Amino acid sequence: MGCDLVGINTSPMIEENEYSTGLARENYEKLIEYILTKTQMKVLLIPHVVWNFSDDRKVLNELYKKYADTGRIYCIENQNCENLKGFISRCRFFLSVPERMQRLQRILVVFRL
């Protein structure tokens, strides 16, 4: 695995707080499908939050299982922050939602009610 990697992180928190149910997952799936059909790049799913009440691996493993048969998607298990940063540094692109954006999204959801 070299620079032909796209790193992706998503979170159950995003799906739990989205404005339109299923929209976040649908967009992640469309992104992965685009990468797999239109490029030669591989997808690396990287967890960030691994807590009892919010575990990125749940969503990432579901995405992995959906595309595993392509042979071009990988899912990293829980690692320390130094190892995770090492994986991220090997990616040409990395897509994630910063913690501040997750907090902002929760606030926006409250205001939309």
Foldseek 3Di string as FASTA:
>chain_A
DAQLEEEEFDWVLCQVLPPDHPPVVVVVLVVQVCCLPVHPGAYEYEWDDPDPVITRCVSVVVSCVVCVVSVRYYYDDDDPPVVSVVVVVRYNHYDDQDPVNSVVSNVVSVVVD
